[in-house]
């Protein structure tokens, strides 16, 4: 036996919103109010904890990338084992990022210096669900049908980081500005 699903009008009536009467009991309204206040308090606490976590992450980064490596280098140490068994070592690390503003300059440098293989070409097409047949077509077939595929280029962040490290450790010259290169040292603590 099929039951007809109620319509919106069946549920709330056809009256104007201003004509609705409030049949909510004081107890129900109190519960809703308490839960709404609880949600607001939890939201504020989550925001506060996220801000604290962000600050602690920055404090950790400063300690592990600047303060501890600087102190160890001043003491002439590259590695030390604490009495509790943790080993602290200073290791170089590399970071790189190509901003939108520097993308053209960075890609030109990579291409003119024989590293164009790092640049990935991406063809992006968006289709509706009913266009399954068109999805399997090649780019040329899509263009013949009047579609305009968007072609983008990108370099995966890990690929860029590895490339920058390889260039510097091999002694090759690479411009730092277009690649947003940052080279630092970091203290790593490992327990045995």
C-alpha atoms as a PDB file:
ATOM      1  CA  UNK A   1       0.000   0.000   0.000  1.00  0.00           C
ATOM      2  CA  UNK A   2       1.621   3.229  -1.213  1.00  0.00           C
ATOM      3  CA  UNK A   3       1.299   6.141   1.157  1.00  0.00           C
ATOM      4  CA  UNK A   4       1.312   9.582  -0.376  1.00  0.00           C
ATOM      5  CA  UNK A   5       4.183  11.691   0.961  1.00  0.00           C
ATOM      6  CA  UNK A   6       2.920  14.888   2.577  1.00  0.00           C
ATOM      7  CA  UNK A   7       3.581  18.156   0.790  1.00  0.00           C
ATOM      8  CA  UNK A   8       5.019  21.240   2.475  1.00  0.00           C
ATOM      9  CA  UNK A   9       1.516  22.712   2.628  1.00  0.00           C
ATOM     10  CA  UNK A  10       0.233  19.501   4.265  1.00  0.00           C
ATOM     11  CA  UNK A  11       2.880  19.861   6.957  1.00  0.00           C
ATOM     12  CA  UNK A  12       2.642  23.585   7.707  1.00  0.00           C
ATOM     13  CA  UNK A  13      -0.629  24.599   6.134  1.00  0.00           C
ATOM     14  CA  UNK A  14      -1.288  27.145   3.440  1.00  0.00           C
ATOM     15  CA  UNK A  15      -1.490  30.106   5.811  1.00  0.00           C
ATOM     16  CA  UNK A  16       0.927  33.020   5.634  1.00  0.00           C
ATOM     17  CA  UNK A  17       3.948  32.706   7.945  1.00  0.00           C
ATOM     18  CA  UNK A  18       2.763  35.605  10.087  1.00  0.00           C
ATOM     19  CA  UNK A  19      -0.458  33.679  10.801  1.00  0.00           C
ATOM     20  CA  UNK A  20       1.351  30.646  12.248  1.00  0.00           C
ATOM     21  CA  UNK A  21       0.709  30.075  15.898  1.00  0.00           C
ATOM     22  CA  UNK A  22       3.457  28.917  18.194  1.00  0.00           C
ATOM     23  CA  UNK A  23       2.488  25.660  19.871  1.00  0.00           C
ATOM     24  CA  UNK A  24       5.974  25.082  21.345  1.00  0.00           C
ATOM     25  CA  UNK A  25       5.972  24.427  25.064  1.00  0.00           C
ATOM     26  CA  UNK A  26       8.183  26.405  27.423  1.00  0.00           C
ATOM     27  CA  UNK A  27      10.174  23.235  28.163  1.00  0.00           C
ATOM     28  CA  UNK A  28      10.852  22.578  24.483  1.00  0.00           C
ATOM     29  CA  UNK A  29      11.782  26.211  23.877  1.00  0.00           C
ATOM     30  CA  UNK A  30      14.087  26.148  26.899  1.00  0.00           C
ATOM     31  CA  UNK A  31      15.811  23.000  25.596  1.00  0.00           C
ATOM     32  CA  UNK A  32      16.272  24.534  22.134  1.00  0.00           C
ATOM     33  CA  UNK A  33      17.626  27.734  23.687  1.00  0.00           C
ATOM     34  CA  UNK A  34      20.059  25.800  25.917  1.00  0.00           C
ATOM     35  CA  UNK A  35      21.324  23.700  23.005  1.00  0.00           C
ATOM     36  CA  UNK A  36      21.713  26.791  20.813  1.00  0.00           C
ATOM     37  CA  UNK A  37      23.754  28.481  23.558  1.00  0.00           C
ATOM     38  CA  UNK A  38      25.814  25.303  23.989  1.00  0.00           C
ATOM     39  CA  UNK A  39      26.553  25.260  20.259  1.00  0.00           C
ATOM     40  CA  UNK A  40      27.613  28.916  20.342  1.00  0.00           C
ATOM     41  CA  UNK A  41      29.909  28.256  23.328  1.00  0.00           C
ATOM     42  CA  UNK A  42      31.404  25.175  21.638  1.00  0.00           C
ATOM     43  CA  UNK A  43      31.960  27.157  18.448  1.00  0.00           C
ATOM     44  CA  UNK A  44      33.803  29.854  20.405  1.00  0.00           C
ATOM     45  CA  UNK A  45      35.886  27.221  22.237  1.00  0.00           C
ATOM     46  CA  UNK A  46      36.783  25.494  18.946  1.00  0.00           C
ATOM     47  CA  UNK A  47      37.852  28.850  17.452  1.00  0.00           C
ATOM     48  CA  UNK A  48      39.950  29.595  20.541  1.00  0.00           C
ATOM     49  CA  UNK A  49      41.588  26.144  20.479  1.00  0.00           C
ATOM     50  CA  UNK A  50      42.332  26.474  16.753  1.00  0.00           C
ATOM     51  CA  UNK A  51      43.978  29.858  17.399  1.00  0.00           C
ATOM     52  CA  UNK A  52      46.013  28.340  20.258  1.00  0.00           C
ATOM     53  CA  UNK A  53      47.022  25.406  18.043  1.00  0.00           C
ATOM     54  CA  UNK A  54      48.118  27.782  15.272  1.00  0.00           C
ATOM     55  CA  UNK A  55      50.203  29.767  17.771  1.00  0.00           C
ATOM     56  CA  UNK A  56      51.782  26.579  19.197  1.00  0.00           C
ATOM     57  CA  UNK A  57      52.607  25.316  15.701  1.00  0.00           C
ATOM     58  CA  UNK A  58      54.353  28.615  14.956  1.00  0.00           C
ATOM     59  CA  UNK A  59      56.207  28.440  18.298  1.00  0.00           C
ATOM     60  CA  UNK A  60      57.242  24.843  17.481  1.00  0.00           C
ATOM     61  CA  UNK A  61      58.399  25.904  13.999  1.00  0.00           C
ATOM     62  CA  UNK A  62      60.511  28.755  15.428  1.00  0.00           C
ATOM     63  CA  UNK A  63      62.071  26.461  18.044  1.00  0.00           C
ATOM     64  CA  UNK A  64      62.806  23.592  15.623  1.00  0.00           C
ATOM     65  CA  UNK A  65      63.912  25.736  12.667  1.00  0.00           C
ATOM     66  CA  UNK A  66      65.700  28.632  14.367  1.00  0.00           C
ATOM     67  CA  UNK A  67      66.294  28.606  18.102  1.00  0.00           C
ATOM     68  CA  UNK A  68      67.494  25.013  18.624  1.00  0.00           C
ATOM     69  CA  UNK A  69      69.552  24.810  15.383  1.00  0.00           C
ATOM     70  CA  UNK A  70      71.164  28.186  16.171  1.00  0.00           C
ATOM     71  CA  UNK A  71      71.983  27.107  19.737  1.00  0.00           C
ATOM     72  CA  UNK A  72      73.461  23.801  18.543  1.00  0.00           C
ATOM     73  CA  UNK A  73      75.494  25.510  15.817  1.00  0.00           C
ATOM     74  CA  UNK A  74      76.793  28.043  18.365  1.00  0.00           C
ATOM     75  CA  UNK A  75      77.895  25.113  20.533  1.00  0.00           C
ATOM     76  CA  UNK A  76      79.509  23.421  17.516  1.00  0.00           C
ATOM     77  CA  UNK A  77      77.059  20.510  17.558  1.00  0.00           C
ATOM     78  CA  UNK A  78      75.277  18.832  14.662  1.00  0.00           C
ATOM     79  CA  UNK A  79      73.909  15.953  16.738  1.00  0.00           C
ATOM     80  CA  UNK A  80      73.433  15.182  20.400  1.00  0.00           C
ATOM     81  CA  UNK A  81      71.788  12.467  22.475  1.00  0.00           C
ATOM     82  CA  UNK A  82      69.913  13.578  25.559  1.00  0.00           C
ATOM     83  CA  UNK A  83      70.102  11.698  28.855  1.00  0.00           C
ATOM     84  CA  UNK A  84      66.496  10.592  28.217  1.00  0.00           C
ATOM     85  CA  UNK A  85      67.537   8.849  24.984  1.00  0.00           C
ATOM     86  CA  UNK A  86      66.231  11.308  22.386  1.00  0.00           C
ATOM     87  CA  UNK A  87      68.645  12.068  19.545  1.00  0.00           C
ATOM     88  CA  UNK A  88      68.660  15.622  18.243  1.00  0.00           C
ATOM     89  CA  UNK A  89      70.198  16.251  14.842  1.00  0.00           C
ATOM     90  CA  UNK A  90      70.351  19.307  12.636  1.00  0.00           C
ATOM     91  CA  UNK A  91      69.335  18.710   9.034  1.00  0.00           C
ATOM     92  CA  UNK A  92      68.973  21.064   6.116  1.00  0.00           C
ATOM     93  CA  UNK A  93      65.554  21.303   4.466  1.00  0.00           C
ATOM     94  CA  UNK A  94      64.198  22.991   1.368  1.00  0.00           C
ATOM     95  CA  UNK A  95      60.908  24.734   0.664  1.00  0.00           C
ATOM     96  CA  UNK A  96      59.742  26.193  -2.625  1.00  0.00           C
ATOM     97  CA  UNK A  97      56.520  27.675  -3.946  1.00  0.00           C
ATOM     98  CA  UNK A  98      55.709  29.346  -7.241  1.00  0.00           C
ATOM     99  CA  UNK A  99      53.167  32.113  -6.738  1.00  0.00           C
ATOM    100  CA  UNK A 100      50.721  33.042  -9.491  1.00  0.00           C
ATOM    101  CA  UNK A 101      52.653  36.309  -9.919  1.00  0.00           C
ATOM    102  CA  UNK A 102      55.937  34.427 -10.535  1.00  0.00           C
ATOM    103  CA  UNK A 103      54.534  31.450 -12.487  1.00  0.00           C
ATOM    104  CA  UNK A 104      55.344  32.728 -15.975  1.00  0.00           C
ATOM    105  CA  UNK A 105      58.893  33.773 -15.011  1.00  0.00           C
ATOM    106  CA  UNK A 106      59.569  30.462 -13.216  1.00  0.00           C
ATOM    107  CA  UNK A 107      58.191  28.340 -16.080  1.00  0.00           C
ATOM    108  CA  UNK A 108      60.246  30.326 -18.618  1.00  0.00           C
ATOM    109  CA  UNK A 109      63.402  29.711 -16.569  1.00  0.00           C
ATOM    110  CA  UNK A 110      62.646  25.982 -16.246  1.00  0.00           C
ATOM    111  CA  UNK A 111      61.971  25.673 -19.981  1.00  0.00           C
ATOM    112  CA  UNK A 112      65.049  27.645 -21.062  1.00  0.00           C
ATOM    113  CA  UNK A 113      67.248  25.609 -18.692  1.00  0.00           C
ATOM    114  CA  UNK A 114      66.056  22.178 -19.839  1.00  0.00           C
ATOM    115  CA  UNK A 115      63.716  21.388 -16.938  1.00  0.00           C
ATOM    116  CA  UNK A 116      60.379  21.686 -18.756  1.00  0.00           C
ATOM    117  CA  UNK A 117      59.648  18.065 -17.793  1.00  0.00           C
ATOM    118  CA  UNK A 118      58.692  19.343 -14.323  1.00  0.00           C
ATOM    119  CA  UNK A 119      55.768  21.289 -15.790  1.00  0.00           C
ATOM    120  CA  UNK A 120      52.630  19.200 -16.090  1.00  0.00           C
ATOM    121  CA  UNK A 121      49.978  20.087 -18.640  1.00  0.00           C
ATOM    122  CA  UNK A 122      46.424  19.547 -17.511  1.00  0.00           C
ATOM    123  CA  UNK A 123      43.307  19.436 -19.665  1.00  0.00           C
ATOM    124  CA  UNK A 124      40.119  20.029 -17.697  1.00  0.00           C
ATOM    125  CA  UNK A 125      36.638  19.497 -19.051  1.00  0.00           C
ATOM    126  CA  UNK A 126      33.380  19.645 -17.154  1.00  0.00           C
ATOM    127  CA  UNK A 127      30.453  17.517 -18.261  1.00  0.00           C
ATOM    128  CA  UNK A 128      26.947  16.885 -17.071  1.00  0.00           C
ATOM    129  CA  UNK A 129      25.945  13.378 -16.045  1.00  0.00           C
ATOM    130  CA  UNK A 130      24.134  12.779 -19.307  1.00  0.00           C
ATOM    131  CA  UNK A 131      27.257  13.458 -21.405  1.00  0.00           C
ATOM    132  CA  UNK A 132      28.966  10.094 -20.773  1.00  0.00           C
ATOM    133  CA  UNK A 133      29.729   9.497 -24.475  1.00  0.00           C
ATOM    134  CA  UNK A 134      31.474  12.865 -24.866  1.00  0.00           C
ATOM    135  CA  UNK A 135      33.757  12.179 -21.867  1.00  0.00           C
ATOM    136  CA  UNK A 136      35.482   9.301 -23.715  1.00  0.00           C
ATOM    137  CA  UNK A 137      36.306  11.477 -26.754  1.00  0.00           C
ATOM    138  CA  UNK A 138      39.765  12.908 -27.330  1.00  0.00           C
ATOM    139  CA  UNK A 139      40.553  16.626 -27.037  1.00  0.00           C
ATOM    140  CA  UNK A 140      40.541  17.053 -30.818  1.00  0.00           C
ATOM    141  CA  UNK A 141      37.136  15.403 -31.081  1.00  0.00           C
ATOM    142  CA  UNK A 142      35.849  17.698 -28.343  1.00  0.00           C
ATOM    143  CA  UNK A 143      37.146  20.766 -30.173  1.00  0.00           C
ATOM    144  CA  UNK A 144      35.534  19.534 -33.411  1.00  0.00           C
ATOM    145  CA  UNK A 145      32.223  19.450 -31.520  1.00  0.00           C
ATOM    146  CA  UNK A 146      32.629  23.080 -30.439  1.00  0.00           C
ATOM    147  CA  UNK A 147      33.759  22.421 -26.869  1.00  0.00           C
ATOM    148  CA  UNK A 148      36.618  24.485 -25.440  1.00  0.00           C
ATOM    149  CA  UNK A 149      38.810  22.473 -23.087  1.00  0.00           C
ATOM    150  CA  UNK A 150      40.728  24.458 -20.490  1.00  0.00           C
ATOM    151  CA  UNK A 151      44.447  23.730 -20.577  1.00  0.00           C
ATOM    152  CA  UNK A 152      46.481  24.409 -17.421  1.00  0.00           C
ATOM    153  CA  UNK A 153      50.064  23.841 -16.401  1.00  0.00           C
ATOM    154  CA  UNK A 154      51.270  22.935 -12.935  1.00  0.00           C
ATOM    155  CA  UNK A 155      54.201  21.530 -10.981  1.00  0.00           C
ATOM    156  CA  UNK A 156      53.450  19.288  -8.029  1.00  0.00           C
ATOM    157  CA  UNK A 157      54.826  20.859  -4.794  1.00  0.00           C
ATOM    158  CA  UNK A 158      56.831  17.727  -3.903  1.00  0.00           C
ATOM    159  CA  UNK A 159      58.366  17.631  -7.387  1.00  0.00           C
ATOM    160  CA  UNK A 160      59.363  21.303  -7.105  1.00  0.00           C
ATOM    161  CA  UNK A 161      60.830  20.781  -3.627  1.00  0.00           C
ATOM    162  CA  UNK A 162      62.880  17.771  -4.811  1.00  0.00           C
ATOM    163  CA  UNK A 163      64.059  19.669  -7.891  1.00  0.00           C
ATOM    164  CA  UNK A 164      65.178  22.693  -5.839  1.00  0.00           C
ATOM    165  CA  UNK A 165      67.029  20.443  -3.392  1.00  0.00           C
ATOM    166  CA  UNK A 166      68.714  18.597  -6.267  1.00  0.00           C
ATOM    167  CA  UNK A 167      69.789  21.843  -7.943  1.00  0.00           C
ATOM    168  CA  UNK A 168      71.271  23.319  -4.760  1.00  0.00           C
ATOM    169  CA  UNK A 169      73.002  20.145  -3.599  1.00  0.00           C
ATOM    170  CA  UNK A 170      74.486  19.719  -7.107  1.00  0.00           C
ATOM    171  CA  UNK A 171      75.796  23.298  -7.000  1.00  0.00           C
ATOM    172  CA  UNK A 172      73.614  24.460  -9.903  1.00  0.00           C
ATOM    173  CA  UNK A 173      72.522  28.085 -10.067  1.00  0.00           C
ATOM    174  CA  UNK A 174      68.770  28.639  -9.769  1.00  0.00           C
ATOM    175  CA  UNK A 175      66.986  31.965  -9.239  1.00  0.00           C
ATOM    176  CA  UNK A 176      65.367  32.064  -5.799  1.00  0.00           C
ATOM    177  CA  UNK A 177      62.673  34.729  -6.337  1.00  0.00           C
ATOM    178  CA  UNK A 178      60.417  33.075  -8.940  1.00  0.00           C
ATOM    179  CA  UNK A 179      60.521  29.808  -7.022  1.00  0.00           C
ATOM    180  CA  UNK A 180      59.982  31.279  -3.540  1.00  0.00           C
ATOM    181  CA  UNK A 181      62.901  29.214  -2.278  1.00  0.00           C
ATOM    182  CA  UNK A 182      63.593  28.955   1.423  1.00  0.00           C
ATOM    183  CA  UNK A 183      66.436  26.850   2.756  1.00  0.00           C
ATOM    184  CA  UNK A 184      66.673  26.288   6.456  1.00  0.00           C
ATOM    185  CA  UNK A 185      67.827  23.916   9.123  1.00  0.00           C
ATOM    186  CA  UNK A 186      65.575  22.016  11.430  1.00  0.00           C
ATOM    187  CA  UNK A 187      66.157  20.155  14.657  1.00  0.00           C
ATOM    188  CA  UNK A 188      64.706  16.652  14.603  1.00  0.00           C
ATOM    189  CA  UNK A 189      64.219  14.754  17.856  1.00  0.00           C
ATOM    190  CA  UNK A 190      63.916  10.967  17.671  1.00  0.00           C
ATOM    191  CA  UNK A 191      63.332   8.525  20.487  1.00  0.00           C
ATOM    192  CA  UNK A 192      65.103   5.204  20.414  1.00  0.00           C
END
